[in-house]
Amino acid sequence: LKILHKLSEEWVRKNSRKFPMLTINTKK
């Protein structure tokens, strides 16, 4: 899960300007 999280975070960082992106912290 840590590997998936790291890869997801990298993908979001690299692609956040390509299209509208809403990040929601779902912990709560």
PDB file of all heavy atoms in Angstrom:
ATOM      1  N   LEU A   1       0.822  -1.208   0.000  1.00  0.00           N
ATOM      2  CA  LEU A   1       0.000   0.000   0.000  1.00  0.00           C
ATOM      3  C   LEU A   1       0.859   1.262   0.000  1.00  0.00           C
ATOM      4  O   LEU A   1       0.505   2.266  -0.622  1.00  0.00           O
ATOM      5  CB  LEU A   1      -0.949  -0.002   1.192  1.00  0.00           C
ATOM      6  CG  LEU A   1      -2.040  -1.074   1.147  1.00  0.00           C
ATOM      7  CD1 LEU A   1      -2.820  -1.095   2.454  1.00  0.00           C
ATOM      8  CD2 LEU A   1      -2.964  -0.870  -0.035  1.00  0.00           C
ATOM      9  N   LYS A   2       2.007   1.211   0.665  1.00  0.00           N
ATOM     10  CA  LYS A   2       2.918   2.362   0.654  1.00  0.00           C
ATOM     11  C   LYS A   2       3.465   2.608  -0.747  1.00  0.00           C
ATOM     12  O   LYS A   2       3.589   3.761  -1.176  1.00  0.00           O
ATOM     13  CB  LYS A   2       4.070   2.142   1.645  1.00  0.00           C
ATOM     14  CG  LYS A   2       3.667   2.352   3.079  1.00  0.00           C
ATOM     15  CD  LYS A   2       4.857   2.176   4.007  1.00  0.00           C
ATOM     16  CE  LYS A   2       4.476   2.470   5.448  1.00  0.00           C
ATOM     17  NZ  LYS A   2       5.621   2.345   6.365  1.00  0.00           N
ATOM     18  N   ILE A   3       3.774   1.540  -1.455  1.00  0.00           N
ATOM     19  CA  ILE A   3       4.257   1.680  -2.842  1.00  0.00           C
ATOM     20  C   ILE A   3       3.169   2.292  -3.722  1.00  0.00           C
ATOM     21  O   ILE A   3       3.423   3.232  -4.481  1.00  0.00           O
ATOM     22  CB  ILE A   3       4.717   0.317  -3.404  1.00  0.00           C
ATOM     23  CG1 ILE A   3       5.982  -0.151  -2.690  1.00  0.00           C
ATOM     24  CG2 ILE A   3       4.948   0.402  -4.914  1.00  0.00           C
ATOM     25  CD1 ILE A   3       6.337  -1.594  -2.950  1.00  0.00           C
ATOM     26  N   LEU A   4       1.947   1.768  -3.607  1.00  0.00           N
ATOM     27  CA  LEU A   4       0.836   2.308  -4.392  1.00  0.00           C
ATOM     28  C   LEU A   4       0.590   3.774  -4.059  1.00  0.00           C
ATOM     29  O   LEU A   4       0.346   4.593  -4.951  1.00  0.00           O
ATOM     30  CB  LEU A   4      -0.441   1.499  -4.157  1.00  0.00           C
ATOM     31  CG  LEU A   4      -0.496   0.101  -4.737  1.00  0.00           C
ATOM     32  CD1 LEU A   4      -1.838  -0.546  -4.403  1.00  0.00           C
ATOM     33  CD2 LEU A   4      -0.276   0.125  -6.234  1.00  0.00           C
ATOM     34  N   HIS A   5       0.657   4.101  -2.774  1.00  0.00           N
ATOM     35  CA  HIS A   5       0.450   5.481  -2.339  1.00  0.00           C
ATOM     36  C   HIS A   5       1.510   6.401  -2.947  1.00  0.00           C
ATOM     37  O   HIS A   5       1.191   7.478  -3.474  1.00  0.00           O
ATOM     38  CB  HIS A   5       0.474   5.546  -0.812  1.00  0.00           C
ATOM     39  CG  HIS A   5       0.252   6.909  -0.267  1.00  0.00           C
ATOM     40  ND1 HIS A   5      -0.982   7.502  -0.225  1.00  0.00           N
ATOM     41  CD2 HIS A   5       1.119   7.812   0.253  1.00  0.00           C
ATOM     42  CE1 HIS A   5      -0.878   8.707   0.289  1.00  0.00           C
ATOM     43  NE2 HIS A   5       0.385   8.915   0.591  1.00  0.00           N
ATOM     44  N   LYS A   6       2.745   5.984  -2.879  1.00  0.00           N
ATOM     45  CA  LYS A   6       3.849   6.789  -3.426  1.00  0.00           C
ATOM     46  C   LYS A   6       3.661   7.007  -4.930  1.00  0.00           C
ATOM     47  O   LYS A   6       3.796   8.129  -5.428  1.00  0.00           O
ATOM     48  CB  LYS A   6       5.184   6.108  -3.152  1.00  0.00           C
ATOM     49  CG  LYS A   6       6.370   6.856  -3.690  1.00  0.00           C
ATOM     50  CD  LYS A   6       7.667   6.107  -3.422  1.00  0.00           C
ATOM     51  CE  LYS A   6       8.810   6.872  -4.064  1.00  0.00           C
ATOM     52  NZ  LYS A   6       9.700   6.041  -4.817  1.00  0.00           N
ATOM     53  N   LEU A   7       3.341   5.946  -5.652  1.00  0.00           N
ATOM     54  CA  LEU A   7       3.134   6.057  -7.094  1.00  0.00           C
ATOM     55  C   LEU A   7       1.924   6.931  -7.416  1.00  0.00           C
ATOM     56  O   LEU A   7       1.960   7.726  -8.365  1.00  0.00           O
ATOM     57  CB  LEU A   7       2.975   4.671  -7.721  1.00  0.00           C
ATOM     58  CG  LEU A   7       4.218   3.790  -7.695  1.00  0.00           C
ATOM     59  CD1 LEU A   7       3.887   2.366  -8.111  1.00  0.00           C
ATOM     60  CD2 LEU A   7       5.311   4.375  -8.580  1.00  0.00           C
ATOM     61  N   SER A   8       0.869   6.810  -6.632  1.00  0.00           N
ATOM     62  CA  SER A   8      -0.322   7.642  -6.840  1.00  0.00           C
ATOM     63  C   SER A   8      -0.001   9.111  -6.610  1.00  0.00           C
ATOM     64  O   SER A   8      -0.413   9.969  -7.397  1.00  0.00           O
ATOM     65  CB  SER A   8      -1.449   7.210  -5.909  1.00  0.00           C
ATOM     66  OG  SER A   8      -1.859   5.901  -6.200  1.00  0.00           O
ATOM     67  N   GLU A   9       0.724   9.393  -5.545  1.00  0.00           N
ATOM     68  CA  GLU A   9       1.096  10.778  -5.231  1.00  0.00           C
ATOM     69  C   GLU A   9       1.957  11.366  -6.352  1.00  0.00           C
ATOM     70  O   GLU A   9       1.775  12.521  -6.743  1.00  0.00           O
ATOM     71  CB  GLU A   9       1.847  10.847  -3.900  1.00  0.00           C
ATOM     72  CG  GLU A   9       0.982  10.571  -2.698  1.00  0.00           C
ATOM     73  CD  GLU A   9       0.064  11.723  -2.357  1.00  0.00           C
ATOM     74  OE1 GLU A   9       0.534  12.875  -2.298  1.00  0.00           O
ATOM     75  OE2 GLU A   9      -1.138  11.468  -2.162  1.00  0.00           O
ATOM     76  N   GLU A  10       2.882  10.580  -6.870  1.00  0.00           N
ATOM     77  CA  GLU A  10       3.730  11.038  -7.978  1.00  0.00           C
ATOM     78  C   GLU A  10       2.890  11.323  -9.211  1.00  0.00           C
ATOM     79  O   GLU A  10       3.080  12.332  -9.885  1.00  0.00           O
ATOM     80  CB  GLU A  10       4.808   9.997  -8.301  1.00  0.00           C
ATOM     81  CG  GLU A  10       5.910   9.909  -7.285  1.00  0.00           C
ATOM     82  CD  GLU A  10       6.890   8.779  -7.580  1.00  0.00           C
ATOM     83  OE1 GLU A  10       6.875   8.225  -8.708  1.00  0.00           O
ATOM     84  OE2 GLU A  10       7.680   8.448  -6.677  1.00  0.00           O
ATOM     85  N   TRP A  11       1.964  10.426  -9.515  1.00  0.00           N
ATOM     86  CA  TRP A  11       1.113  10.604 -10.689  1.00  0.00           C
ATOM     87  C   TRP A  11       0.265  11.867 -10.547  1.00  0.00           C
ATOM     88  O   TRP A  11       0.148  12.655 -11.485  1.00  0.00           O
ATOM     89  CB  TRP A  11       0.216   9.382 -10.902  1.00  0.00           C
ATOM     90  CG  TRP A  11      -0.522   9.442 -12.187  1.00  0.00           C
ATOM     91  CD1 TRP A  11      -0.116   8.949 -13.384  1.00  0.00           C
ATOM     92  CD2 TRP A  11      -1.803  10.050 -12.418  1.00  0.00           C
ATOM     93  NE1 TRP A  11      -1.062   9.212 -14.348  1.00  0.00           N
ATOM     94  CE2 TRP A  11      -2.102   9.895 -13.781  1.00  0.00           C
ATOM     95  CE3 TRP A  11      -2.715  10.711 -11.602  1.00  0.00           C
ATOM     96  CZ2 TRP A  11      -3.275  10.378 -14.350  1.00  0.00           C
ATOM     97  CZ3 TRP A  11      -3.885  11.207 -12.166  1.00  0.00           C
ATOM     98  CH2 TRP A  11      -4.152  11.024 -13.520  1.00  0.00           C
ATOM     99  N   VAL A  12      -0.321  12.065  -9.382  1.00  0.00           N
ATOM    100  CA  VAL A  12      -1.144  13.252  -9.140  1.00  0.00           C
ATOM    101  C   VAL A  12      -0.292  14.510  -9.295  1.00  0.00           C
ATOM    102  O   VAL A  12      -0.700  15.477  -9.947  1.00  0.00           O
ATOM    103  CB  VAL A  12      -1.812  13.190  -7.747  1.00  0.00           C
ATOM    104  CG1 VAL A  12      -2.377  14.536  -7.342  1.00  0.00           C
ATOM    105  CG2 VAL A  12      -2.901  12.125  -7.740  1.00  0.00           C
ATOM    106  N   ARG A  13       0.892  14.513  -8.716  1.00  0.00           N
ATOM    107  CA  ARG A  13       1.772  15.678  -8.812  1.00  0.00           C
ATOM    108  C   ARG A  13       2.125  15.992 -10.266  1.00  0.00           C
ATOM    109  O   ARG A  13       2.075  17.141 -10.691  1.00  0.00           O
ATOM    110  CB  ARG A  13       3.045  15.442  -7.989  1.00  0.00           C
ATOM    111  CG  ARG A  13       3.903  16.691  -7.826  1.00  0.00           C
ATOM    112  CD  ARG A  13       5.175  16.447  -7.013  1.00  0.00           C
ATOM    113  NE  ARG A  13       6.207  15.792  -7.801  1.00  0.00           N
ATOM    114  CZ  ARG A  13       6.483  14.472  -7.826  1.00  0.00           C
ATOM    115  NH1 ARG A  13       5.810  13.647  -7.084  1.00  0.00           N
ATOM    116  NH2 ARG A  13       7.433  13.959  -8.560  1.00  0.00           N
ATOM    117  N   LYS A  14       2.434  14.979 -11.045  1.00  0.00           N
ATOM    118  CA  LYS A  14       2.833  15.182 -12.443  1.00  0.00           C
ATOM    119  C   LYS A  14       1.664  15.574 -13.339  1.00  0.00           C
ATOM    120  O   LYS A  14       1.862  16.232 -14.357  1.00  0.00           O
ATOM    121  CB  LYS A  14       3.473  13.901 -12.994  1.00  0.00           C
ATOM    122  CG  LYS A  14       4.835  13.611 -12.427  1.00  0.00           C
ATOM    123  CD  LYS A  14       5.369  12.310 -12.991  1.00  0.00           C
ATOM    124  CE  LYS A  14       6.671  11.921 -12.343  1.00  0.00           C
ATOM    125  NZ  LYS A  14       7.152  10.612 -12.806  1.00  0.00           N
ATOM    126  N   ASN A  15       0.462  15.150 -12.987  1.00  0.00           N
ATOM    127  CA  ASN A  15      -0.681  15.350 -13.876  1.00  0.00           C
ATOM    128  C   ASN A  15      -1.699  16.372 -13.388  1.00  0.00           C
ATOM    129  O   ASN A  15      -2.713  16.586 -14.048  1.00  0.00           O
ATOM    130  CB  ASN A  15      -1.383  14.007 -14.116  1.00  0.00           C
ATOM    131  CG  ASN A  15      -0.512  13.082 -14.919  1.00  0.00           C
ATOM    132  OD1 ASN A  15      -0.376  13.218 -16.118  1.00  0.00           O
ATOM    133  ND2 ASN A  15       0.126  12.137 -14.244  1.00  0.00           N
ATOM    134  N   SER A  16      -1.443  17.013 -12.283  1.00  0.00           N
ATOM    135  CA  SER A  16      -2.441  17.906 -11.691  1.00  0.00           C
ATOM    136  C   SER A  16      -2.744  19.126 -12.551  1.00  0.00           C
ATOM    137  O   SER A  16      -3.778  19.763 -12.360  1.00  0.00           O
ATOM    138  CB  SER A  16      -2.001  18.347 -10.297  1.00  0.00           C
ATOM    139  OG  SER A  16      -0.804  19.099 -10.378  1.00  0.00           O
ATOM    140  N   ARG A  17      -1.897  19.430 -13.498  1.00  0.00           N
ATOM    141  CA  ARG A  17      -2.146  20.597 -14.366  1.00  0.00           C
ATOM    142  C   ARG A  17      -2.737  20.217 -15.712  1.00  0.00           C
ATOM    143  O   ARG A  17      -3.089  21.077 -16.501  1.00  0.00           O
ATOM    144  CB  ARG A  17      -0.864  21.377 -14.559  1.00  0.00           C
ATOM    145  CG  ARG A  17      -0.400  21.949 -13.233  1.00  0.00           C
ATOM    146  CD  ARG A  17       0.670  22.938 -13.384  1.00  0.00           C
ATOM    147  NE  ARG A  17       0.960  23.437 -12.042  1.00  0.00           N
ATOM    148  CZ  ARG A  17       2.007  24.124 -11.744  1.00  0.00           C
ATOM    149  NH1 ARG A  17       2.867  24.416 -12.669  1.00  0.00           N
ATOM    150  NH2 ARG A  17       2.197  24.534 -10.514  1.00  0.00           N
ATOM    151  N   LYS A  18      -2.859  18.937 -15.952  1.00  0.00           N
ATOM    152  CA  LYS A  18      -3.405  18.487 -17.235  1.00  0.00           C
ATOM    153  C   LYS A  18      -4.920  18.595 -17.296  1.00  0.00           C
ATOM    154  O   LYS A  18      -5.484  18.746 -18.366  1.00  0.00           O
ATOM    155  CB  LYS A  18      -2.995  17.041 -17.523  1.00  0.00           C
ATOM    156  CG  LYS A  18      -1.540  16.882 -17.859  1.00  0.00           C
ATOM    157  CD  LYS A  18      -1.249  15.442 -18.239  1.00  0.00           C
ATOM    158  CE  LYS A  18       0.204  15.247 -18.584  1.00  0.00           C
ATOM    159  NZ  LYS A  18       0.491  13.853 -18.947  1.00  0.00           N
ATOM    160  N   PHE A  19      -5.574  18.465 -16.148  1.00  0.00           N
ATOM    161  CA  PHE A  19      -7.030  18.535 -16.083  1.00  0.00           C
ATOM    162  C   PHE A  19      -7.445  18.870 -14.652  1.00  0.00           C
ATOM    163  O   PHE A  19      -6.660  18.721 -13.731  1.00  0.00           O
ATOM    164  CB  PHE A  19      -7.698  17.235 -16.546  1.00  0.00           C
ATOM    165  CG  PHE A  19      -6.951  15.995 -16.186  1.00  0.00           C
ATOM    166  CD1 PHE A  19      -7.002  15.484 -14.896  1.00  0.00           C
ATOM    167  CD2 PHE A  19      -6.179  15.334 -17.112  1.00  0.00           C
ATOM    168  CE1 PHE A  19      -6.311  14.335 -14.551  1.00  0.00           C
ATOM    169  CE2 PHE A  19      -5.479  14.192 -16.773  1.00  0.00           C
ATOM    170  CZ  PHE A  19      -5.542  13.691 -15.511  1.00  0.00           C
ATOM    171  N   PRO A  20      -8.692  19.320 -14.481  1.00  0.00           N
ATOM    172  CA  PRO A  20      -9.138  19.669 -13.126  1.00  0.00           C
ATOM    173  C   PRO A  20      -9.068  18.474 -12.177  1.00  0.00           C
ATOM    174  O   PRO A  20      -9.484  17.373 -12.531  1.00  0.00           O
ATOM    175  CB  PRO A  20     -10.592  20.104 -13.331  1.00  0.00           C
ATOM    176  CG  PRO A  20     -10.712  20.420 -14.774  1.00  0.00           C
ATOM    177  CD  PRO A  20      -9.715  19.556 -15.482  1.00  0.00           C
ATOM    178  N   MET A  21      -8.497  18.719 -11.003  1.00  0.00           N
ATOM    179  CA  MET A  21      -8.333  17.639 -10.039  1.00  0.00           C
ATOM    180  C   MET A  21      -8.727  18.124  -8.647  1.00  0.00           C
ATOM    181  O   MET A  21      -8.272  19.169  -8.204  1.00  0.00           O
ATOM    182  CB  MET A  21      -6.881  17.153 -10.034  1.00  0.00           C
ATOM    183  CG  MET A  21      -6.682  15.898  -9.222  1.00  0.00           C
ATOM    184  SD  MET A  21      -5.009  15.211  -9.329  1.00  0.00           S
ATOM    185  CE  MET A  21      -4.699  15.124 -11.062  1.00  0.00           C
ATOM    186  N   LEU A  22      -9.568  17.350  -8.012  1.00  0.00           N
ATOM    187  CA  LEU A  22      -9.994  17.625  -6.643  1.00  0.00           C
ATOM    188  C   LEU A  22      -9.435  16.526  -5.745  1.00  0.00           C
ATOM    189  O   LEU A  22      -9.702  15.346  -5.964  1.00  0.00           O
ATOM    190  CB  LEU A  22     -11.527  17.652  -6.552  1.00  0.00           C
ATOM    191  CG  LEU A  22     -12.147  17.719  -5.164  1.00  0.00           C
ATOM    192  CD1 LEU A  22     -11.725  18.987  -4.434  1.00  0.00           C
ATOM    193  CD2 LEU A  22     -13.656  17.619  -5.259  1.00  0.00           C
ATOM    194  N   THR A  23      -8.653  16.920  -4.754  1.00  0.00           N
ATOM    195  CA  THR A  23      -8.103  15.959  -3.797  1.00  0.00           C
ATOM    196  C   THR A  23      -8.917  16.057  -2.510  1.00  0.00           C
ATOM    197  O   THR A  23      -9.088  17.141  -1.957  1.00  0.00           O
ATOM    198  CB  THR A  23      -6.626  16.258  -3.511  1.00  0.00           C
ATOM    199  OG1 THR A  23      -5.888  16.145  -4.731  1.00  0.00           O
ATOM    200  CG2 THR A  23      -6.058  15.288  -2.485  1.00  0.00           C
ATOM    201  N   ILE A  24      -9.419  14.919  -2.062  1.00  0.00           N
ATOM    202  CA  ILE A  24     -10.206  14.866  -0.824  1.00  0.00           C
ATOM    203  C   ILE A  24      -9.544  13.888   0.129  1.00  0.00           C
ATOM    204  O   ILE A  24      -9.357  12.713  -0.202  1.00  0.00           O
ATOM    205  CB  ILE A  24     -11.660  14.427  -1.101  1.00  0.00           C
ATOM    206  CG1 ILE A  24     -12.348  15.434  -2.028  1.00  0.00           C
ATOM    207  CG2 ILE A  24     -12.429  14.275   0.209  1.00  0.00           C
ATOM    208  CD1 ILE A  24     -13.741  15.027  -2.440  1.00  0.00           C
ATOM    209  N   ASN A  25      -9.169  14.386   1.309  1.00  0.00           N
ATOM    210  CA  ASN A  25      -8.627  13.515   2.345  1.00  0.00           C
ATOM    211  C   ASN A  25      -9.803  12.755   2.962  1.00  0.00           C
ATOM    212  O   ASN A  25     -10.687  13.345   3.564  1.00  0.00           O
ATOM    213  CB  ASN A  25      -7.888  14.332   3.401  1.00  0.00           C
ATOM    214  CG  ASN A  25      -7.197  13.455   4.408  1.00  0.00           C
ATOM    215  OD1 ASN A  25      -7.582  12.309   4.641  1.00  0.00           O
ATOM    216  ND2 ASN A  25      -6.166  13.985   5.022  1.00  0.00           N
ATOM    217  N   THR A  26      -9.820  11.458   2.784  1.00  0.00           N
ATOM    218  CA  THR A  26     -10.973  10.656   3.200  1.00  0.00           C
ATOM    219  C   THR A  26     -10.814  10.029   4.587  1.00  0.00           C
ATOM    220  O   THR A  26     -11.644   9.218   4.991  1.00  0.00           O
ATOM    221  CB  THR A  26     -11.262   9.547   2.168  1.00  0.00           C
ATOM    222  OG1 THR A  26     -10.107   8.724   2.038  1.00  0.00           O
ATOM    223  CG2 THR A  26     -11.633  10.141   0.829  1.00  0.00           C
ATOM    224  N   LYS A  27      -9.797  10.439   5.326  1.00  0.00           N
ATOM    225  CA  LYS A  27      -9.591   9.862   6.659  1.00  0.00           C
ATOM    226  C   LYS A  27     -10.808  10.066   7.558  1.00  0.00           C
ATOM    227  O   LYS A  27     -11.160   9.198   8.347  1.00  0.00           O
ATOM    228  CB  LYS A  27      -8.346  10.453   7.316  1.00  0.00           C
ATOM    229  CG  LYS A  27      -8.042   9.834   8.661  1.00  0.00           C
ATOM    230  CD  LYS A  27      -6.754  10.359   9.242  1.00  0.00           C
ATOM    231  CE  LYS A  27      -6.468   9.688  10.579  1.00  0.00           C
ATOM    232  NZ  LYS A  27      -5.208  10.146  11.153  1.00  0.00           N
ATOM    233  N   LYS A  28     -11.465  11.208   7.424  1.00  0.00           N
ATOM    234  CA  LYS A  28     -12.596  11.513   8.293  1.00  0.00           C
ATOM    235  C   LYS A  28     -13.936  11.218   7.630  1.00  0.00           C
ATOM    236  O   LYS A  28     -14.974  11.521   8.191  1.00  0.00           O
ATOM    237  CB  LYS A  28     -12.525  12.976   8.723  1.00  0.00           C
ATOM    238  CG  LYS A  28     -11.310  13.266   9.573  1.00  0.00           C
ATOM    239  CD  LYS A  28     -11.270  14.701  10.018  1.00  0.00           C
ATOM    240  CE  LYS A  28     -10.015  14.929  10.855  1.00  0.00           C
ATOM    241  NZ  LYS A  28      -9.875  16.316  11.244  1.00  0.00           N
TER     242      LYS A  28
END
